[in-house]
Amino acid sequence: MSGITSFGERRLVLISGRAHPELAERVAEELGVDLVPTTAYDFASGEIYVRFAESVRGADAFVLQSHTAPVNEWIMEHLLMVDALKRASVKQITAVMPFYPYARQDKKHRGREPISARLMADLFRTAGAERLMSVDLHAAQTQGFFDGPVDHLFAMPILVDYVRTRVDVTNVTVVSPDAGRIRVAEQWAAKLGGVPLAFVHKTRDITRPNQAVANRVVGEVDGRDAVLVDDLIDTGGTIAEAIRVLKENGARSVTVAATHGVLSDPATQRLAESGAIEVVVTDTLPIPREKRIENLTVLSIAPLLARAIREVFDEGSVTSLFDGNA
C-alpha cells in the first residue's frame, strides 16, 4: 500500500524505524496515512541497510524513531533513514524523536567530557534533517543545539488529564523529585487547580551514574496524596528514593507520572516494591510485556505526535496545541 498521501499539490510521508513500529502505526492511523514501505535489516557485520520501496521525491517527510535500547543502533538507523531521504530528493525532512537521545548529557560536569546531546543535534543536521520534533526534553535549552526549527512537545496535558481522574485534587500535593524539576512541578500544580507544591532534596555523585540519595522533603506532604512528576524513569532509583522519603514524611499515597519510561533494570522491580499506588508513563518508548507491572499505566502519545505533525505540514501553530505554553 502506498505511503504517499497527497493534500492538494503537497505530499506528506511518514516513515518508521524498527525501534517502536507500534507507535508509528498509531501515529499513521491518527493522521489517516499509510507508512512508507521500508526495507531495513542488519548485515552480518552489524551494519544497517535501509531503503524506501517507493518514490518520495518532493514530499514532506517525517521519519519517526524512538531511541530505546540498544540506543546507538537505533540512532544510526535513524541517521541512515534521514540520509536516504535527502538523497531521494524529498522537499523537507523532519526527524521525529519522541525521546531525544543522550538528552541527559547536555553539559559538562567535569573537564574532558563530551556534550553528547549537542553532538546528536549536529549529527542529524549533517545527515539532512531540517527540523526536529521531540517530547519533553530533559532540558529545554537543548533546542538551541540544533541549527533549525525544533518542535518541543509536552506530554503534560495527557498526563494531567489522566491523573486528575485518579486522585482527589482537593488533597493533592505535586512533588518534584529534585530542585531542578520545580518549574515543571509548578505547571502541574497550576493545571490541577493551584494545589500545593513540594520537592525532594537529593544529592548525587556525578562519578556514579544512576545513583542518587533523597534526603528530605521541602514542603507539606503529611496526610496528603502526593503526585510525583518527572520527565523520565530510567533505573527507578530517584523515584524509589523519593517515594520512600515521601512515605516517611507522612504522605497518604504516592502517584508517579513521567513522560518517558526508559525502565532500565532494575526499574520495574523498584517500582513494583516502591509503594506507589500507580506509575503513569507514555509510550514514547516501547515498554515490553515483561516490564508492564501491575501498577504501571501506559498512555498513548500518538495523538499528540499526529497533531503536531499535521500542524507542521499545514504550516500551522504547534504552540497552539499547548494553550500558548509551548
Protein backbone atom coordinates (compact mmCIF):
# COMPACT_ATOMS: atom_id res chain seq x y z
CA MET A 1 0.00 0.00 0.00
CA SER A 2 1.33 3.42 -0.91
CA GLY A 3 2.74 5.57 1.87
CA ILE A 4 2.35 8.75 -0.20
CA THR A 5 -0.58 10.87 0.93
CA SER A 6 -1.43 13.93 -1.15
CA PHE A 7 -3.07 17.06 0.18
CA GLY A 8 -3.62 19.26 -2.84
CA GLU A 9 -0.25 19.69 -4.52
CA ARG A 10 1.69 18.76 -1.37
CA ARG A 11 2.54 15.29 -0.16
CA LEU A 12 3.12 14.00 3.37
CA VAL A 13 5.08 10.84 4.03
CA LEU A 14 5.50 9.14 7.40
CA ILE A 15 8.41 6.73 7.80
CA SER A 16 9.20 4.47 10.74
CA GLY A 17 12.36 2.85 12.00
CA ARG A 18 12.35 -0.56 13.64
CA ALA A 19 12.70 0.58 17.26
CA HIS A 20 9.00 1.19 18.00
CA PRO A 21 6.84 0.38 14.95
CA GLU A 22 3.68 0.16 17.06
CA LEU A 23 3.89 3.85 17.90
CA ALA A 24 4.46 4.80 14.25
CA GLU A 25 1.45 2.73 13.22
CA ARG A 26 -0.73 4.51 15.78
CA VAL A 27 0.53 7.91 14.58
CA ALA A 28 -0.21 6.92 10.98
CA GLU A 29 -3.72 5.86 11.98
CA GLU A 30 -4.30 9.19 13.74
CA LEU A 31 -3.09 11.06 10.63
CA GLY A 32 -5.10 8.89 8.27
CA VAL A 33 -2.00 7.97 6.23
CA ASP A 34 -0.02 4.82 5.48
CA LEU A 35 3.59 4.30 6.49
CA VAL A 36 6.04 4.31 3.59
CA PRO A 37 7.05 0.70 2.87
CA THR A 38 10.63 0.44 4.08
CA THR A 39 13.25 -2.28 3.92
CA ALA A 40 15.64 -2.32 6.87
CA TYR A 41 17.94 -5.07 8.06
CA ASP A 42 21.34 -5.73 9.62
CA PHE A 43 24.29 -7.20 7.74
CA ALA A 44 26.32 -9.93 9.42
CA SER A 45 28.92 -7.30 10.33
CA GLY A 46 26.32 -5.26 12.24
CA GLU A 47 26.00 -2.56 9.58
CA ILE A 48 22.45 -1.37 8.85
CA TYR A 49 20.77 -1.18 5.45
CA VAL A 50 17.65 0.90 4.71
CA ARG A 51 15.70 1.60 1.52
CA PHE A 52 12.27 3.03 0.78
CA ALA A 53 10.15 0.94 -1.58
CA GLU A 54 8.60 3.88 -3.45
CA SER A 55 9.47 7.37 -4.60
CA VAL A 56 9.35 10.15 -2.01
CA ARG A 57 10.61 12.90 -4.32
CA GLY A 58 9.24 16.34 -3.43
CA ALA A 59 7.39 15.13 -0.31
CA ASP A 60 7.43 16.49 3.24
CA ALA A 61 8.96 13.56 5.10
CA PHE A 62 8.51 12.83 8.81
CA VAL A 63 10.79 10.00 9.93
CA LEU A 64 9.97 8.61 13.37
CA GLN A 65 12.31 6.63 15.56
CA SER A 66 12.22 6.01 19.31
CA HIS A 67 15.71 5.81 20.76
CA THR A 68 15.35 2.90 23.11
CA ALA A 69 17.94 0.24 23.94
CA PRO A 70 20.16 -0.53 22.09
CA VAL A 71 20.14 3.23 21.69
CA ASN A 72 23.21 3.60 19.49
CA GLU A 73 21.84 1.13 16.94
CA TRP A 74 18.55 2.99 16.62
CA ILE A 75 20.28 6.38 16.38
CA MET A 76 22.37 5.04 13.49
CA GLU A 77 19.32 3.64 11.72
CA HIS A 78 17.54 6.98 12.16
CA LEU A 79 20.50 8.85 10.67
CA LEU A 80 20.65 6.47 7.71
CA MET A 81 16.93 6.95 7.02
CA VAL A 82 17.40 10.73 7.07
CA ASP A 83 20.36 10.44 4.70
CA ALA A 84 18.38 8.18 2.37
CA LEU A 85 15.53 10.71 2.28
CA LYS A 86 17.91 13.55 1.48
CA ARG A 87 19.37 11.57 -1.41
CA ALA A 88 15.85 10.68 -2.59
CA SER A 89 15.11 14.41 -3.15
CA VAL A 90 12.40 14.98 -0.57
CA LYS A 91 11.29 18.56 -0.04
CA GLN A 92 11.78 18.69 3.75
CA ILE A 93 12.88 16.21 6.40
CA THR A 94 11.64 16.29 9.99
CA ALA A 95 13.31 13.85 12.37
CA VAL A 96 10.67 12.84 14.90
CA MET A 97 12.36 11.54 18.06
CA PRO A 98 9.81 11.13 20.86
CA PHE A 99 12.71 10.55 23.28
CA TYR A 100 15.77 12.67 22.49
CA PRO A 101 18.91 10.52 22.66
CA TYR A 102 21.69 11.40 25.11
CA ALA A 103 19.45 14.16 26.49
CA ARG A 104 20.95 13.97 29.99
CA GLN A 105 24.46 14.66 28.67
CA ASP A 106 23.63 18.27 27.82
CA LYS A 107 26.51 19.95 29.67
CA LYS A 108 29.97 19.29 31.07
CA HIS A 109 30.08 18.38 34.76
CA ARG A 110 33.85 17.89 34.66
CA GLY A 111 36.72 18.54 32.29
CA ARG A 112 37.31 16.35 29.22
CA GLU A 113 33.68 15.27 28.93
CA PRO A 114 31.62 15.47 25.72
CA ILE A 115 28.38 17.38 25.37
CA SER A 116 26.65 14.41 23.78
CA ALA A 117 23.21 15.99 23.37
CA ARG A 118 24.80 18.69 21.18
CA LEU A 119 26.57 16.02 19.12
CA MET A 120 23.21 14.32 18.45
CA ALA A 121 21.81 17.58 17.07
CA ASP A 122 24.88 18.06 14.87
CA LEU A 123 24.64 14.52 13.52
CA PHE A 124 21.01 14.84 12.49
CA ARG A 125 21.63 18.23 10.91
CA THR A 126 24.58 16.86 8.95
CA ALA A 127 22.56 13.83 7.85
CA GLY A 128 19.98 16.16 6.31
CA ALA A 129 17.26 16.81 8.89
CA GLU A 130 15.95 20.35 8.60
CA ARG A 131 13.65 20.10 11.61
CA LEU A 132 13.49 18.12 14.85
CA MET A 133 10.43 17.11 16.84
CA SER A 134 10.69 15.68 20.35
CA VAL A 135 8.65 15.28 23.53
CA ASP A 136 9.62 16.67 26.94
CA LEU A 137 13.30 17.35 26.51
CA HIS A 138 15.34 16.78 29.66
CA ALA A 139 16.38 20.44 29.44
CA ALA A 140 14.52 22.94 27.25
CA GLN A 141 17.74 24.65 26.21
CA THR A 142 18.65 21.52 24.21
CA GLN A 143 16.56 23.12 21.46
CA GLY A 144 19.43 25.56 20.97
CA PHE A 145 21.82 22.77 19.99
CA PHE A 146 20.06 22.26 16.64
CA ASP A 147 20.59 24.79 13.86
CA GLY A 148 16.99 24.79 12.67
CA PRO A 149 13.42 24.62 13.97
CA VAL A 150 12.75 22.35 16.94
CA ASP A 151 9.20 21.41 17.91
CA HIS A 152 9.28 20.75 21.65
CA LEU A 153 6.09 18.89 22.54
CA PHE A 154 4.70 18.40 26.03
CA ALA A 155 3.01 15.29 27.38
CA MET A 156 1.75 17.17 30.43
CA PRO A 157 -1.83 17.72 29.15
CA ILE A 158 -2.20 13.96 28.52
CA LEU A 159 -0.74 13.01 31.89
CA VAL A 160 -2.62 15.68 33.85
CA ASP A 161 -5.98 14.76 32.33
CA TYR A 162 -5.46 11.14 33.34
CA VAL A 163 -4.05 11.78 36.83
CA ARG A 164 -6.91 14.18 37.60
CA THR A 165 -9.32 11.23 37.29
CA ARG A 166 -7.25 9.10 39.67
CA VAL A 167 -6.68 11.38 42.67
CA ASP A 168 -8.62 13.67 44.98
CA VAL A 169 -7.41 17.06 43.75
CA THR A 170 -8.56 18.71 46.98
CA ASN A 171 -5.91 16.74 48.86
CA VAL A 172 -3.05 16.66 46.33
CA THR A 173 0.48 17.99 46.67
CA VAL A 174 2.56 17.97 43.49
CA VAL A 175 6.12 16.87 44.20
CA SER A 176 9.28 17.39 42.16
CA PRO A 177 11.87 14.62 42.69
CA ASP A 178 14.63 17.25 42.81
CA ALA A 179 15.11 21.00 42.75
CA GLY A 180 15.84 21.01 39.02
CA ARG A 181 12.31 19.97 38.06
CA ILE A 182 10.45 22.51 40.19
CA ARG A 183 9.35 24.58 37.19
CA VAL A 184 7.59 21.55 35.70
CA ALA A 185 6.02 20.73 39.06
CA GLU A 186 4.73 24.31 39.28
CA GLN A 187 3.00 23.86 35.92
CA TRP A 188 1.44 20.62 37.14
CA ALA A 189 0.24 22.30 40.32
CA ALA A 190 -1.37 25.11 38.30
CA LYS A 191 -3.12 22.68 35.94
CA LEU A 192 -4.51 20.73 38.89
CA GLY A 193 -6.11 23.89 40.24
CA GLY A 194 -3.37 25.58 42.23
CA VAL A 195 -2.55 22.70 44.57
CA PRO A 196 0.43 22.88 46.97
CA LEU A 197 3.96 22.16 45.79
CA ALA A 198 6.90 20.31 47.36
CA PHE A 199 10.25 18.95 46.25
CA VAL A 200 12.66 16.26 47.40
CA HIS A 201 16.16 17.42 48.22
CA LYS A 202 18.65 14.88 46.91
CA THR A 203 22.38 14.53 46.44
CA ARG A 204 24.12 12.83 43.52
CA ASP A 205 27.72 11.72 42.99
CA ILE A 206 28.48 12.68 39.38
CA THR A 207 31.13 9.94 39.20
CA ARG A 208 28.50 7.23 39.86
CA PRO A 209 25.75 7.18 37.20
CA ASN A 210 22.12 6.32 38.01
CA GLN A 211 22.62 6.79 41.75
CA ALA A 212 21.03 9.48 43.90
CA VAL A 213 20.18 9.80 47.59
CA ALA A 214 16.98 11.52 48.68
CA ASN A 215 17.48 13.40 51.93
CA ARG A 216 14.32 15.30 52.90
CA VAL A 217 11.10 16.84 51.62
CA VAL A 218 10.73 20.60 51.34
CA GLY A 219 7.02 21.31 51.54
CA GLU A 220 3.94 19.86 53.25
CA VAL A 221 3.02 16.27 52.35
CA ASP A 222 1.81 14.87 55.69
CA GLY A 223 -1.61 13.26 55.19
CA ARG A 224 -1.75 14.31 51.54
CA ASP A 225 -1.83 12.45 48.23
CA ALA A 226 1.50 13.14 46.54
CA VAL A 227 1.77 13.30 42.75
CA LEU A 228 5.45 12.83 41.96
CA VAL A 229 6.30 14.18 38.48
CA ASP A 230 9.41 13.74 36.34
CA ASP A 231 10.44 13.67 32.69
CA LEU A 232 11.74 10.09 32.69
CA ILE A 233 12.21 6.96 34.75
CA ASP A 234 15.43 5.12 33.96
CA THR A 235 16.59 2.69 36.64
CA GLY A 236 13.93 3.96 39.03
CA GLY A 237 16.39 4.81 41.79
CA THR A 238 15.50 8.50 42.04
CA ILE A 239 11.77 7.77 42.04
CA ALA A 240 12.00 4.93 44.57
CA GLU A 241 14.09 7.09 46.92
CA ALA A 242 11.65 9.99 46.57
CA ILE A 243 8.69 7.72 47.33
CA ARG A 244 10.48 6.41 50.44
CA VAL A 245 11.09 9.92 51.75
CA LEU A 246 7.51 11.00 50.99
CA LYS A 247 6.15 8.00 52.88
CA GLU A 248 8.47 8.68 55.82
CA ASN A 249 7.13 12.24 55.90
CA GLY A 250 3.52 11.08 56.16
CA ALA A 251 2.25 11.12 52.56
CA ARG A 252 -1.05 9.26 52.41
CA SER A 253 -0.39 7.96 48.90
CA VAL A 254 2.06 8.49 46.05
CA THR A 255 1.21 8.54 42.34
CA VAL A 256 4.10 8.81 39.88
CA ALA A 257 3.75 10.49 36.48
CA ALA A 258 6.57 10.65 33.94
CA THR A 259 6.74 11.07 30.18
CA HIS A 260 9.45 8.58 29.22
CA GLY A 261 9.51 5.04 30.56
CA VAL A 262 13.12 4.07 29.92
CA LEU A 263 12.82 1.40 32.62
CA SER A 264 16.36 0.04 32.60
CA ASP A 265 16.89 -2.82 35.05
CA PRO A 266 16.09 -2.93 37.92
CA ALA A 267 13.44 -0.21 37.44
CA THR A 268 10.38 -2.45 37.30
CA GLN A 269 11.34 -4.26 40.49
CA ARG A 270 11.96 -0.96 42.27
CA LEU A 271 8.66 0.49 41.08
CA ALA A 272 6.72 -2.63 41.99
CA GLU A 273 8.16 -2.57 45.51
CA SER A 274 8.11 1.22 45.94
CA GLY A 275 4.66 1.57 47.44
CA ALA A 276 3.39 3.88 44.68
CA ILE A 277 -0.29 3.25 44.02
CA GLU A 278 0.21 3.92 40.30
CA VAL A 279 3.07 4.76 37.92
CA VAL A 280 1.91 6.57 34.78
CA VAL A 281 4.09 6.95 31.68
CA THR A 282 3.54 7.44 27.95
CA ASP A 283 4.59 5.20 25.08
CA THR A 284 7.32 7.48 23.70
CA LEU A 285 9.49 4.38 24.21
CA PRO A 286 8.40 0.77 23.74
CA ILE A 287 7.59 -1.00 27.01
CA PRO A 288 7.69 -4.78 26.58
CA ARG A 289 5.09 -7.00 28.19
CA GLU A 290 7.51 -8.30 30.83
CA LYS A 291 8.01 -4.75 32.14
CA ARG A 292 4.30 -3.90 32.37
CA ILE A 293 3.97 -4.41 36.09
CA GLU A 294 0.61 -4.30 37.86
CA ASN A 295 0.82 -0.65 38.99
CA LEU A 296 2.10 0.66 35.62
CA THR A 297 -0.21 2.59 33.27
CA VAL A 298 0.93 3.47 29.75
CA LEU A 299 -0.81 6.33 27.90
CA SER A 300 -0.55 6.85 24.14
CA ILE A 301 1.50 9.78 22.85
CA ALA A 302 0.39 9.09 19.25
CA PRO A 303 -2.47 11.63 19.12
CA LEU A 304 -0.10 14.41 20.23
CA LEU A 305 2.58 13.45 17.70
CA ALA A 306 0.00 13.23 14.93
CA ARG A 307 -1.47 16.66 15.70
CA ALA A 308 2.00 18.22 15.79
CA ILE A 309 3.00 16.60 12.50
CA ARG A 310 -0.17 17.87 10.87
CA GLU A 311 0.40 21.40 12.20
CA VAL A 312 3.95 21.40 10.79
CA PHE A 313 2.78 20.05 7.45
CA ASP A 314 -0.05 22.61 7.26
CA GLU A 315 2.33 25.39 8.34
CA GLY A 316 0.15 25.95 11.39
CA SER A 317 1.00 26.56 15.04
CA VAL A 318 2.44 23.77 17.20
CA THR A 319 2.33 26.19 20.15
CA SER A 320 -1.47 26.30 19.90
CA LEU A 321 -1.56 22.63 20.95
CA PHE A 322 -0.44 23.65 24.43
CA ASP A 323 -2.52 26.79 25.06
CA GLY A 324 0.44 29.03 24.34
CA ASN A 325 2.76 27.21 26.76
CA ALA A 326 4.96 25.61 24.11
